[in-house]
């Protein structure tokens, strides 16, 4: 008999009560993405310069990727105004990766 591992989901649709709230946004004209959060009563921010070839969607995703990477040991709630990000992030953990026409998008998923 084979063992079947059941992986605990890393993404959920309901807010985490003890999670840090991180707001993400991006601007195509300035080619920047950003994150804002409150740490010990002080607002913190991180601006991320985009790369050549970034679209608004890849910039929005860049902000979320930065937030996830920089809070690996902390539960976080991500607030985004991007329908693209809100739709794709919950599906990433179960996705199979394949070649994409947009190399920048491929980089963000890895």
PDB file of N, CA and C in Angstrom:
ATOM      1  N   UNK A   1       0.842  -1.182   0.000  1.00  0.00           N
ATOM      2  CA  UNK A   1       0.000   0.000   0.000  1.00  0.00           C
ATOM      3  C   UNK A   1       0.886   1.244   0.000  1.00  0.00           C
ATOM      4  N   UNK A   2       0.588   2.174  -0.910  1.00  0.00           N
ATOM      5  CA  UNK A   2       1.370   3.405  -1.012  1.00  0.00           C
ATOM      6  C   UNK A   2       0.837   4.459  -0.055  1.00  0.00           C
ATOM      7  N   UNK A   3       1.763   5.209   0.501  1.00  0.00           N
ATOM      8  CA  UNK A   3       1.361   6.353   1.319  1.00  0.00           C
ATOM      9  C   UNK A   3       0.950   7.499   0.410  1.00  0.00           C
ATOM     10  N   UNK A   4      -0.024   8.220   0.811  1.00  0.00           N
ATOM     11  CA  UNK A   4      -0.481   9.386   0.060  1.00  0.00           C
ATOM     12  C   UNK A   4      -0.368  10.601   0.972  1.00  0.00           C
ATOM     13  N   UNK A   5       0.507  11.503   0.610  1.00  0.00           N
ATOM     14  CA  UNK A   5       0.713  12.698   1.415  1.00  0.00           C
ATOM     15  C   UNK A   5      -0.327  13.735   1.049  1.00  0.00           C
ATOM     16  N   UNK A   6      -0.913  14.337   2.038  1.00  0.00           N
ATOM     17  CA  UNK A   6      -1.857  15.421   1.819  1.00  0.00           C
ATOM     18  C   UNK A   6      -1.169  16.699   2.255  1.00  0.00           C
ATOM     19  N   UNK A   7      -0.885  17.538   1.274  1.00  0.00           N
ATOM     20  CA  UNK A   7      -0.170  18.773   1.561  1.00  0.00           C
ATOM     21  C   UNK A   7      -1.133  19.830   2.095  1.00  0.00           C
ATOM     22  N   UNK A   8      -0.693  20.528   3.121  1.00  0.00           N
ATOM     23  CA  UNK A   8      -1.494  21.611   3.690  1.00  0.00           C
ATOM     24  C   UNK A   8      -1.470  22.794   2.720  1.00  0.00           C
ATOM     25  N   UNK A   9      -2.638  23.303   2.339  1.00  0.00           N
ATOM     26  CA  UNK A   9      -2.666  24.443   1.417  1.00  0.00           C
ATOM     27  C   UNK A   9      -1.942  25.650   2.002  1.00  0.00           C
ATOM     28  N   UNK A  10      -1.239  26.364   1.148  1.00  0.00           N
ATOM     29  CA  UNK A  10      -0.507  27.546   1.588  1.00  0.00           C
ATOM     30  C   UNK A  10      -1.291  28.828   1.313  1.00  0.00           C
ATOM     31  N   UNK A  11      -2.360  28.701   0.531  1.00  0.00           N
ATOM     32  CA  UNK A  11      -3.181  29.853   0.173  1.00  0.00           C
ATOM     33  C   UNK A  11      -4.609  29.578   0.607  1.00  0.00           C
ATOM     34  N   UNK A  12      -5.240  30.573   1.183  1.00  0.00           N
ATOM     35  CA  UNK A  12      -6.656  30.421   1.515  1.00  0.00           C
ATOM     36  C   UNK A  12      -7.385  31.718   1.210  1.00  0.00           C
ATOM     37  N   UNK A  13      -8.688  31.620   0.994  1.00  0.00           N
ATOM     38  CA  UNK A  13      -9.484  32.772   0.587  1.00  0.00           C
ATOM     39  C   UNK A  13      -9.950  33.636   1.757  1.00  0.00           C
ATOM     40  N   UNK A  14      -9.944  33.092   2.966  1.00  0.00           N
ATOM     41  CA  UNK A  14     -10.384  33.866   4.123  1.00  0.00           C
ATOM     42  C   UNK A  14      -9.174  34.488   4.819  1.00  0.00           C
ATOM     43  N   UNK A  15      -9.326  35.693   5.359  1.00  0.00           N
ATOM     44  CA  UNK A  15      -8.195  36.359   6.013  1.00  0.00           C
ATOM     45  C   UNK A  15      -7.675  35.579   7.218  1.00  0.00           C
ATOM     46  N   UNK A  16      -6.376  35.663   7.423  1.00  0.00           N
ATOM     47  CA  UNK A  16      -5.734  35.074   8.597  1.00  0.00           C
ATOM     48  C   UNK A  16      -5.823  36.089   9.727  1.00  0.00           C
ATOM     49  N   UNK A  17      -6.403  35.701  10.836  1.00  0.00           N
ATOM     50  CA  UNK A  17      -6.588  36.625  11.952  1.00  0.00           C
ATOM     51  C   UNK A  17      -5.299  37.210  12.479  1.00  0.00           C
ATOM     52  N   UNK A  18      -4.229  36.411  12.475  1.00  0.00           N
ATOM     53  CA  UNK A  18      -2.953  36.874  13.010  1.00  0.00           C
ATOM     54  C   UNK A  18      -1.978  37.264  11.904  1.00  0.00           C
ATOM     55  N   UNK A  19      -2.467  37.385  10.680  1.00  0.00           N
ATOM     56  CA  UNK A  19      -1.583  37.667   9.553  1.00  0.00           C
ATOM     57  C   UNK A  19      -1.279  39.147   9.377  1.00  0.00           C
ATOM     58  N   UNK A  20      -0.075  39.417   8.952  1.00  0.00           N
ATOM     59  CA  UNK A  20       0.343  40.757   8.581  1.00  0.00           C
ATOM     60  C   UNK A  20      -0.422  41.147   7.320  1.00  0.00           C
ATOM     61  N   UNK A  21      -0.940  42.360   7.257  1.00  0.00           N
ATOM     62  CA  UNK A  21      -1.671  42.824   6.073  1.00  0.00           C
ATOM     63  C   UNK A  21      -0.697  43.594   5.184  1.00  0.00           C
ATOM     64  N   UNK A  22      -0.545  43.130   3.943  1.00  0.00           N
ATOM     65  CA  UNK A  22       0.346  43.766   2.978  1.00  0.00           C
ATOM     66  C   UNK A  22      -0.492  44.221   1.786  1.00  0.00           C
ATOM     67  N   UNK A  23      -0.424  45.511   1.484  1.00  0.00           N
ATOM     68  CA  UNK A  23      -1.123  46.073   0.335  1.00  0.00           C
ATOM     69  C   UNK A  23      -0.140  46.124  -0.832  1.00  0.00           C
ATOM     70  N   UNK A  24      -0.569  45.657  -1.994  1.00  0.00           N
ATOM     71  CA  UNK A  24       0.303  45.667  -3.165  1.00  0.00           C
ATOM     72  C   UNK A  24      -0.352  46.460  -4.285  1.00  0.00           C
ATOM     73  N   UNK A  25       0.483  47.081  -5.115  1.00  0.00           N
ATOM     74  CA  UNK A  25      -0.017  47.820  -6.271  1.00  0.00           C
ATOM     75  C   UNK A  25       1.138  48.015  -7.240  1.00  0.00           C
ATOM     76  N   UNK A  26       0.811  48.486  -8.434  1.00  0.00           N
ATOM     77  CA  UNK A  26       1.831  48.731  -9.442  1.00  0.00           C
ATOM     78  C   UNK A  26       1.352  49.827 -10.376  1.00  0.00           C
ATOM     79  N   UNK A  27       2.306  50.450 -11.041  1.00  0.00           N
ATOM     80  CA  UNK A  27       2.004  51.466 -12.039  1.00  0.00           C
ATOM     81  C   UNK A  27       2.820  51.208 -13.282  1.00  0.00           C
ATOM     82  N   UNK A  28       2.136  51.067 -14.403  1.00  0.00           N
ATOM     83  CA  UNK A  28       2.837  50.763 -15.653  1.00  0.00           C
ATOM     84  C   UNK A  28       3.649  51.966 -16.138  1.00  0.00           C
ATOM     85  N   UNK A  29       3.096  53.170 -15.987  1.00  0.00           N
ATOM     86  CA  UNK A  29       3.785  54.358 -16.492  1.00  0.00           C
ATOM     87  C   UNK A  29       5.131  54.563 -15.792  1.00  0.00           C
ATOM     88  N   UNK A  30       5.161  54.412 -14.481  1.00  0.00           N
ATOM     89  CA  UNK A  30       6.421  54.561 -13.733  1.00  0.00           C
ATOM     90  C   UNK A  30       7.237  53.271 -13.752  1.00  0.00           C
ATOM     91  N   UNK A  31       6.617  52.198 -14.211  1.00  0.00           N
ATOM     92  CA  UNK A  31       7.230  50.862 -14.233  1.00  0.00           C
ATOM     93  C   UNK A  31       7.762  50.495 -12.848  1.00  0.00           C
ATOM     94  N   UNK A  32       6.862  50.606 -11.855  1.00  0.00           N
ATOM     95  CA  UNK A  32       7.206  50.261 -10.480  1.00  0.00           C
ATOM     96  C   UNK A  32       6.094  49.440  -9.852  1.00  0.00           C
ATOM     97  N   UNK A  33       6.502  48.611  -8.914  1.00  0.00           N
ATOM     98  CA  UNK A  33       5.558  47.861  -8.087  1.00  0.00           C
ATOM     99  C   UNK A  33       5.853  48.238  -6.644  1.00  0.00           C
ATOM    100  N   UNK A  34       4.869  48.059  -5.791  1.00  0.00           N
ATOM    101  CA  UNK A  34       5.100  48.439  -4.408  1.00  0.00           C
ATOM    102  C   UNK A  34       4.291  47.634  -3.417  1.00  0.00           C
ATOM    103  N   UNK A  35       4.805  47.607  -2.196  1.00  0.00           N
ATOM    104  CA  UNK A  35       4.135  46.958  -1.067  1.00  0.00           C
ATOM    105  C   UNK A  35       4.138  47.946   0.094  1.00  0.00           C
ATOM    106  N   UNK A  36       3.040  47.965   0.846  1.00  0.00           N
ATOM    107  CA  UNK A  36       2.922  48.806   2.040  1.00  0.00           C
ATOM    108  C   UNK A  36       2.340  47.948   3.148  1.00  0.00           C
ATOM    109  N   UNK A  37       2.900  48.057   4.366  1.00  0.00           N
ATOM    110  CA  UNK A  37       2.409  47.305   5.513  1.00  0.00           C
ATOM    111  C   UNK A  37       2.719  48.078   6.787  1.00  0.00           C
ATOM    112  N   UNK A  38       2.017  47.742   7.845  1.00  0.00           N
ATOM    113  CA  UNK A  38       2.210  48.401   9.130  1.00  0.00           C
ATOM    114  C   UNK A  38       2.953  47.440  10.054  1.00  0.00           C
ATOM    115  N   UNK A  39       4.105  47.879  10.537  1.00  0.00           N
ATOM    116  CA  UNK A  39       4.916  47.068  11.443  1.00  0.00           C
ATOM    117  C   UNK A  39       5.115  47.847  12.738  1.00  0.00           C
ATOM    118  N   UNK A  40       4.556  47.318  13.836  1.00  0.00           N
ATOM    119  CA  UNK A  40       4.672  47.962  15.154  1.00  0.00           C
ATOM    120  C   UNK A  40       4.225  49.425  15.131  1.00  0.00           C
ATOM    121  N   UNK A  41       3.116  49.698  14.446  1.00  0.00           N
ATOM    122  CA  UNK A  41       2.572  51.048  14.412  1.00  0.00           C
ATOM    123  C   UNK A  41       3.218  51.986  13.410  1.00  0.00           C
ATOM    124  N   UNK A  42       4.203  51.513  12.675  1.00  0.00           N
ATOM    125  CA  UNK A  42       4.890  52.334  11.680  1.00  0.00           C
ATOM    126  C   UNK A  42       4.633  51.770  10.281  1.00  0.00           C
ATOM    127  N   UNK A  43       4.227  52.643   9.352  1.00  0.00           N
ATOM    128  CA  UNK A  43       4.017  52.199   7.981  1.00  0.00           C
ATOM    129  C   UNK A  43       5.355  52.004   7.288  1.00  0.00           C
ATOM    130  N   UNK A  44       5.489  50.879   6.636  1.00  0.00           N
ATOM    131  CA  UNK A  44       6.696  50.519   5.895  1.00  0.00           C
ATOM    132  C   UNK A  44       6.320  50.413   4.419  1.00  0.00           C
ATOM    133  N   UNK A  45       7.294  50.636   3.539  1.00  0.00           N
ATOM    134  CA  UNK A  45       7.018  50.470   2.113  1.00  0.00           C
ATOM    135  C   UNK A  45       8.234  49.924   1.396  1.00  0.00           C
ATOM    136  N   UNK A  46       7.961  49.268   0.306  1.00  0.00           N
ATOM    137  CA  UNK A  46       9.015  48.759  -0.562  1.00  0.00           C
ATOM    138  C   UNK A  46       8.601  49.065  -1.992  1.00  0.00           C
ATOM    139  N   UNK A  47       9.412  49.837  -2.703  1.00  0.00           N
ATOM    140  CA  UNK A  47       9.190  50.093  -4.115  1.00  0.00           C
ATOM    141  C   UNK A  47      10.147  49.228  -4.913  1.00  0.00           C
ATOM    142  N   UNK A  48       9.628  48.609  -5.943  1.00  0.00           N
ATOM    143  CA  UNK A  48      10.415  47.689  -6.760  1.00  0.00           C
ATOM    144  C   UNK A  48      10.405  48.210  -8.187  1.00  0.00           C
ATOM    145  N   UNK A  49      11.595  48.472  -8.717  1.00  0.00           N
ATOM    146  CA  UNK A  49      11.708  48.944 -10.095  1.00  0.00           C
ATOM    147  C   UNK A  49      11.448  47.786 -11.044  1.00  0.00           C
ATOM    148  N   UNK A  50      10.598  48.014 -12.031  1.00  0.00           N
ATOM    149  CA  UNK A  50      10.287  46.981 -13.011  1.00  0.00           C
ATOM    150  C   UNK A  50      11.437  46.756 -13.975  1.00  0.00           C
ATOM    151  N   UNK A  51      11.288  45.737 -14.788  1.00  0.00           N
ATOM    152  CA  UNK A  51      12.281  45.394 -15.794  1.00  0.00           C
ATOM    153  C   UNK A  51      11.719  45.676 -17.179  1.00  0.00           C
ATOM    154  N   UNK A  52      12.605  45.781 -18.151  1.00  0.00           N
ATOM    155  CA  UNK A  52      12.157  45.951 -19.532  1.00  0.00           C
ATOM    156  C   UNK A  52      11.238  44.786 -19.880  1.00  0.00           C
ATOM    157  N   UNK A  53      10.153  45.084 -20.535  1.00  0.00           N
ATOM    158  CA  UNK A  53       9.218  44.031 -20.913  1.00  0.00           C
ATOM    159  C   UNK A  53       8.138  43.755 -19.888  1.00  0.00           C
ATOM    160  N   UNK A  54       8.206  44.385 -18.721  1.00  0.00           N
ATOM    161  CA  UNK A  54       7.154  44.193 -17.721  1.00  0.00           C
ATOM    162  C   UNK A  54       5.845  44.790 -18.222  1.00  0.00           C
ATOM    163  N   UNK A  55       4.765  44.091 -17.972  1.00  0.00           N
ATOM    164  CA  UNK A  55       3.420  44.603 -18.208  1.00  0.00           C
ATOM    165  C   UNK A  55       2.843  44.998 -16.854  1.00  0.00           C
ATOM    166  N   UNK A  56       1.675  45.600 -16.866  1.00  0.00           N
ATOM    167  CA  UNK A  56       1.041  45.933 -15.592  1.00  0.00           C
ATOM    168  C   UNK A  56       0.811  44.667 -14.769  1.00  0.00           C
ATOM    169  N   UNK A  57       0.431  43.574 -15.442  1.00  0.00           N
ATOM    170  CA  UNK A  57       0.187  42.316 -14.732  1.00  0.00           C
ATOM    171  C   UNK A  57       1.463  41.763 -14.100  1.00  0.00           C
ATOM    172  N   UNK A  58       2.581  41.800 -14.824  1.00  0.00           N
ATOM    173  CA  UNK A  58       3.815  41.269 -14.234  1.00  0.00           C
ATOM    174  C   UNK A  58       4.311  42.173 -13.110  1.00  0.00           C
ATOM    175  N   UNK A  59       4.074  43.469 -13.220  1.00  0.00           N
ATOM    176  CA  UNK A  59       4.441  44.370 -12.124  1.00  0.00           C
ATOM    177  C   UNK A  59       3.602  44.088 -10.881  1.00  0.00           C
ATOM    178  N   UNK A  60       2.298  43.896 -11.070  1.00  0.00           N
ATOM    179  CA  UNK A  60       1.420  43.564  -9.934  1.00  0.00           C
ATOM    180  C   UNK A  60       1.873  42.254  -9.288  1.00  0.00           C
ATOM    181  N   UNK A  61       2.199  41.273 -10.106  1.00  0.00           N
ATOM    182  CA  UNK A  61       2.659  39.981  -9.598  1.00  0.00           C
ATOM    183  C   UNK A  61       4.010  40.112  -8.905  1.00  0.00           C
ATOM    184  N   UNK A  62       4.873  40.987  -9.404  1.00  0.00           N
ATOM    185  CA  UNK A  62       6.181  41.229  -8.780  1.00  0.00           C
ATOM    186  C   UNK A  62       6.017  41.685  -7.334  1.00  0.00           C
ATOM    187  N   UNK A  63       5.066  42.569  -7.085  1.00  0.00           N
ATOM    188  CA  UNK A  63       4.832  43.053  -5.719  1.00  0.00           C
ATOM    189  C   UNK A  63       4.407  41.912  -4.806  1.00  0.00           C
ATOM    190  N   UNK A  64       3.528  41.049  -5.286  1.00  0.00           N
ATOM    191  CA  UNK A  64       3.065  39.919  -4.473  1.00  0.00           C
ATOM    192  C   UNK A  64       4.200  38.931  -4.227  1.00  0.00           C
ATOM    193  N   UNK A  65       4.987  38.650  -5.257  1.00  0.00           N
ATOM    194  CA  UNK A  65       6.126  37.734  -5.098  1.00  0.00           C
ATOM    195  C   UNK A  65       7.097  38.289  -4.061  1.00  0.00           C
ATOM    196  N   UNK A  66       7.384  39.587  -4.119  1.00  0.00           N
ATOM    197  CA  UNK A  66       8.286  40.187  -3.128  1.00  0.00           C
ATOM    198  C   UNK A  66       7.718  40.010  -1.719  1.00  0.00           C
ATOM    199  N   UNK A  67       6.420  40.283  -1.554  1.00  0.00           N
ATOM    200  CA  UNK A  67       5.789  40.157  -0.232  1.00  0.00           C
ATOM    201  C   UNK A  67       5.877  38.728   0.282  1.00  0.00           C
ATOM    202  N   UNK A  68       5.641  37.761  -0.579  1.00  0.00           N
ATOM    203  CA  UNK A  68       5.699  36.359  -0.159  1.00  0.00           C
ATOM    204  C   UNK A  68       7.117  35.935   0.214  1.00  0.00           C
ATOM    205  N   UNK A  69       8.080  36.316  -0.594  1.00  0.00           N
ATOM    206  CA  UNK A  69       9.481  35.939  -0.338  1.00  0.00           C
ATOM    207  C   UNK A  69       9.984  36.569   0.961  1.00  0.00           C
ATOM    208  N   UNK A  70       9.578  37.802   1.225  1.00  0.00           N
ATOM    209  CA  UNK A  70      10.092  38.523   2.390  1.00  0.00           C
ATOM    210  C   UNK A  70       9.276  38.318   3.653  1.00  0.00           C
ATOM    211  N   UNK A  71       8.373  37.382   3.629  1.00  0.00           N
ATOM    212  CA  UNK A  71       7.606  37.059   4.840  1.00  0.00           C
ATOM    213  C   UNK A  71       7.407  35.555   4.945  1.00  0.00           C
ATOM    214  N   UNK A  72       8.441  34.806   4.623  1.00  0.00           N
ATOM    215  CA  UNK A  72       8.336  33.343   4.593  1.00  0.00           C
ATOM    216  C   UNK A  72       7.879  32.747   5.912  1.00  0.00           C
ATOM    217  N   UNK A  73       8.298  33.325   7.027  1.00  0.00           N
ATOM    218  CA  UNK A  73       7.958  32.767   8.336  1.00  0.00           C
ATOM    219  C   UNK A  73       6.783  33.480   9.004  1.00  0.00           C
ATOM    220  N   UNK A  74       6.152  34.393   8.289  1.00  0.00           N
ATOM    221  CA  UNK A  74       5.058  35.177   8.845  1.00  0.00           C
ATOM    222  C   UNK A  74       3.799  34.970   8.015  1.00  0.00           C
ATOM    223  N   UNK A  75       2.688  34.630   8.642  1.00  0.00           N
ATOM    224  CA  UNK A  75       1.439  34.560   7.878  1.00  0.00           C
ATOM    225  C   UNK A  75       1.073  35.962   7.381  1.00  0.00           C
ATOM    226  N   UNK A  76       0.669  36.076   6.117  1.00  0.00           N
ATOM    227  CA  UNK A  76       0.309  37.391   5.593  1.00  0.00           C
ATOM    228  C   UNK A  76      -1.024  37.343   4.856  1.00  0.00           C
ATOM    229  N   UNK A  77      -1.691  38.468   4.880  1.00  0.00           N
ATOM    230  CA  UNK A  77      -2.890  38.714   4.089  1.00  0.00           C
ATOM    231  C   UNK A  77      -2.494  39.727   3.025  1.00  0.00           C
ATOM    232  N   UNK A  78      -2.654  39.366   1.770  1.00  0.00           N
ATOM    233  CA  UNK A  78      -2.296  40.267   0.679  1.00  0.00           C
ATOM    234  C   UNK A  78      -3.562  40.930   0.154  1.00  0.00           C
ATOM    235  N   UNK A  79      -3.526  42.254   0.079  1.00  0.00           N
ATOM    236  CA  UNK A  79      -4.628  43.036  -0.471  1.00  0.00           C
ATOM    237  C   UNK A  79      -4.150  43.592  -1.812  1.00  0.00           C
ATOM    238  N   UNK A  80      -4.860  43.262  -2.883  1.00  0.00           N
ATOM    239  CA  UNK A  80      -4.496  43.717  -4.219  1.00  0.00           C
ATOM    240  C   UNK A  80      -5.721  44.253  -4.937  1.00  0.00           C
ATOM    241  N   UNK A  81      -5.497  45.184  -5.862  1.00  0.00           N
ATOM    242  CA  UNK A  81      -6.596  45.659  -6.701  1.00  0.00           C
ATOM    243  C   UNK A  81      -6.526  45.025  -8.091  1.00  0.00           C
ATOM    244  N   UNK A  82      -5.642  44.067  -8.249  1.00  0.00           N
ATOM    245  CA  UNK A  82      -5.448  43.415  -9.540  1.00  0.00           C
ATOM    246  C   UNK A  82      -6.298  42.147  -9.647  1.00  0.00           C
ATOM    247  N   UNK A  83      -7.249  42.148 -10.570  1.00  0.00           N
ATOM    248  CA  UNK A  83      -8.038  40.935 -10.806  1.00  0.00           C
ATOM    249  C   UNK A  83      -7.148  39.801 -11.290  1.00  0.00           C
ATOM    250  N   UNK A  84      -6.114  40.150 -12.065  1.00  0.00           N
ATOM    251  CA  UNK A  84      -5.179  39.143 -12.564  1.00  0.00           C
ATOM    252  C   UNK A  84      -4.497  38.430 -11.399  1.00  0.00           C
ATOM    253  N   UNK A  85      -3.931  39.196 -10.490  1.00  0.00           N
ATOM    254  CA  UNK A  85      -3.229  38.615  -9.340  1.00  0.00           C
ATOM    255  C   UNK A  85      -4.193  37.841  -8.450  1.00  0.00           C
ATOM    256  N   UNK A  86      -5.351  38.428  -8.177  1.00  0.00           N
ATOM    257  CA  UNK A  86      -6.335  37.751  -7.321  1.00  0.00           C
ATOM    258  C   UNK A  86      -6.785  36.428  -7.924  1.00  0.00           C
ATOM    259  N   UNK A  87      -6.784  36.334  -9.241  1.00  0.00           N
ATOM    260  CA  UNK A  87      -7.190  35.098  -9.895  1.00  0.00           C
ATOM    261  C   UNK A  87      -6.091  34.065 -10.003  1.00  0.00           C
ATOM    262  N   UNK A  88      -4.851  34.521 -10.170  1.00  0.00           N
ATOM    263  CA  UNK A  88      -3.766  33.575 -10.443  1.00  0.00           C
ATOM    264  C   UNK A  88      -3.059  33.073  -9.183  1.00  0.00           C
ATOM    265  N   UNK A  89      -2.910  33.903  -8.168  1.00  0.00           N
ATOM    266  CA  UNK A  89      -2.154  33.503  -6.974  1.00  0.00           C
ATOM    267  C   UNK A  89      -2.723  32.248  -6.306  1.00  0.00           C
ATOM    268  N   UNK A  90      -4.041  32.126  -6.128  1.00  0.00           N
ATOM    269  CA  UNK A  90      -4.549  30.909  -5.478  1.00  0.00           C
ATOM    270  C   UNK A  90      -4.281  29.627  -6.268  1.00  0.00           C
ATOM    271  N   UNK A  91      -4.011  29.760  -7.568  1.00  0.00           N
ATOM    272  CA  UNK A  91      -3.789  28.571  -8.392  1.00  0.00           C
ATOM    273  C   UNK A  91      -2.322  28.204  -8.562  1.00  0.00           C
ATOM    274  N   UNK A  92      -1.419  29.051  -8.106  1.00  0.00           N
ATOM    275  CA  UNK A  92       0.007  28.819  -8.343  1.00  0.00           C
ATOM    276  C   UNK A  92       0.503  27.540  -7.685  1.00  0.00           C
ATOM    277  N   UNK A  93       0.104  27.262  -6.459  1.00  0.00           N
ATOM    278  CA  UNK A  93       0.677  26.119  -5.737  1.00  0.00           C
ATOM    279  C   UNK A  93       0.342  24.780  -6.381  1.00  0.00           C
ATOM    280  N   UNK A  94      -0.727  24.702  -7.171  1.00  0.00           N
ATOM    281  CA  UNK A  94      -1.094  23.451  -7.834  1.00  0.00           C
ATOM    282  C   UNK A  94      -0.776  23.456  -9.318  1.00  0.00           C
ATOM    283  N   UNK A  95      -0.120  24.497  -9.797  1.00  0.00           N
ATOM    284  CA  UNK A  95       0.091  24.654 -11.230  1.00  0.00           C
ATOM    285  C   UNK A  95       1.270  23.823 -11.727  1.00  0.00           C
ATOM    286  N   UNK A  96       1.140  23.370 -12.949  1.00  0.00           N
ATOM    287  CA  UNK A  96       2.252  22.769 -13.669  1.00  0.00           C
ATOM    288  C   UNK A  96       2.842  23.865 -14.538  1.00  0.00           C
ATOM    289  N   UNK A  97       4.152  24.023 -14.493  1.00  0.00           N
ATOM    290  CA  UNK A  97       4.785  25.088 -15.256  1.00  0.00           C
ATOM    291  C   UNK A  97       5.093  24.618 -16.663  1.00  0.00           C
ATOM    292  N   UNK A  98       4.896  25.510 -17.612  1.00  0.00           N
ATOM    293  CA  UNK A  98       5.222  25.219 -18.999  1.00  0.00           C
ATOM    294  C   UNK A  98       5.811  26.480 -19.602  1.00  0.00           C
ATOM    295  N   UNK A  99       6.339  26.357 -20.805  1.00  0.00           N
ATOM    296  CA  UNK A  99       6.904  27.529 -21.462  1.00  0.00           C
ATOM    297  C   UNK A  99       5.826  28.581 -21.668  1.00  0.00           C
ATOM    298  N   UNK A 100       6.238  29.823 -21.577  1.00  0.00           N
ATOM    299  CA  UNK A 100       5.304  30.927 -21.765  1.00  0.00           C
ATOM    300  C   UNK A 100       5.841  31.871 -22.825  1.00  0.00           C
ATOM    301  N   UNK A 101       4.950  32.556 -23.496  1.00  0.00           N
ATOM    302  CA  UNK A 101       5.369  33.519 -24.513  1.00  0.00           C
ATOM    303  C   UNK A 101       6.009  34.751 -23.875  1.00  0.00           C
ATOM    304  N   UNK A 102       5.755  34.990 -22.606  1.00  0.00           N
ATOM    305  CA  UNK A 102       6.300  36.134 -21.890  1.00  0.00           C
ATOM    306  C   UNK A 102       7.370  35.637 -20.919  1.00  0.00           C
ATOM    307  N   UNK A 103       8.655  35.775 -21.278  1.00  0.00           N
ATOM    308  CA  UNK A 103       9.725  35.265 -20.412  1.00  0.00           C
ATOM    309  C   UNK A 103       9.701  35.857 -19.001  1.00  0.00           C
ATOM    310  N   UNK A 104       9.303  37.121 -18.861  1.00  0.00           N
ATOM    311  CA  UNK A 104       9.254  37.755 -17.540  1.00  0.00           C
ATOM    312  C   UNK A 104       8.232  37.062 -16.645  1.00  0.00           C
ATOM    313  N   UNK A 105       7.092  36.700 -17.209  1.00  0.00           N
ATOM    314  CA  UNK A 105       6.069  35.985 -16.455  1.00  0.00           C
ATOM    315  C   UNK A 105       6.610  34.637 -15.991  1.00  0.00           C
ATOM    316  N   UNK A 106       7.338  33.954 -16.848  1.00  0.00           N
ATOM    317  CA  UNK A 106       7.956  32.683 -16.472  1.00  0.00           C
ATOM    318  C   UNK A 106       8.913  32.834 -15.306  1.00  0.00           C
ATOM    319  N   UNK A 107       9.691  33.914 -15.286  1.00  0.00           N
ATOM    320  CA  UNK A 107      10.630  34.167 -14.181  1.00  0.00           C
ATOM    321  C   UNK A 107       9.894  34.336 -12.857  1.00  0.00           C
ATOM    322  N   UNK A 108       8.796  35.038 -12.875  1.00  0.00           N
ATOM    323  CA  UNK A 108       8.058  35.304 -11.637  1.00  0.00           C
ATOM    324  C   UNK A 108       7.453  34.041 -11.049  1.00  0.00           C
ATOM    325  N   UNK A 109       7.086  33.086 -11.891  1.00  0.00           N
ATOM    326  CA  UNK A 109       6.494  31.854 -11.391  1.00  0.00           C
ATOM    327  C   UNK A 109       7.533  30.906 -10.812  1.00  0.00           C
ATOM    328  N   UNK A 110       8.778  31.095 -11.161  1.00  0.00           N
ATOM    329  CA  UNK A 110       9.826  30.239 -10.612  1.00  0.00           C
ATOM    330  C   UNK A 110      10.346  30.861  -9.358  1.00  0.00           C
TER     331      UNK A 110
END
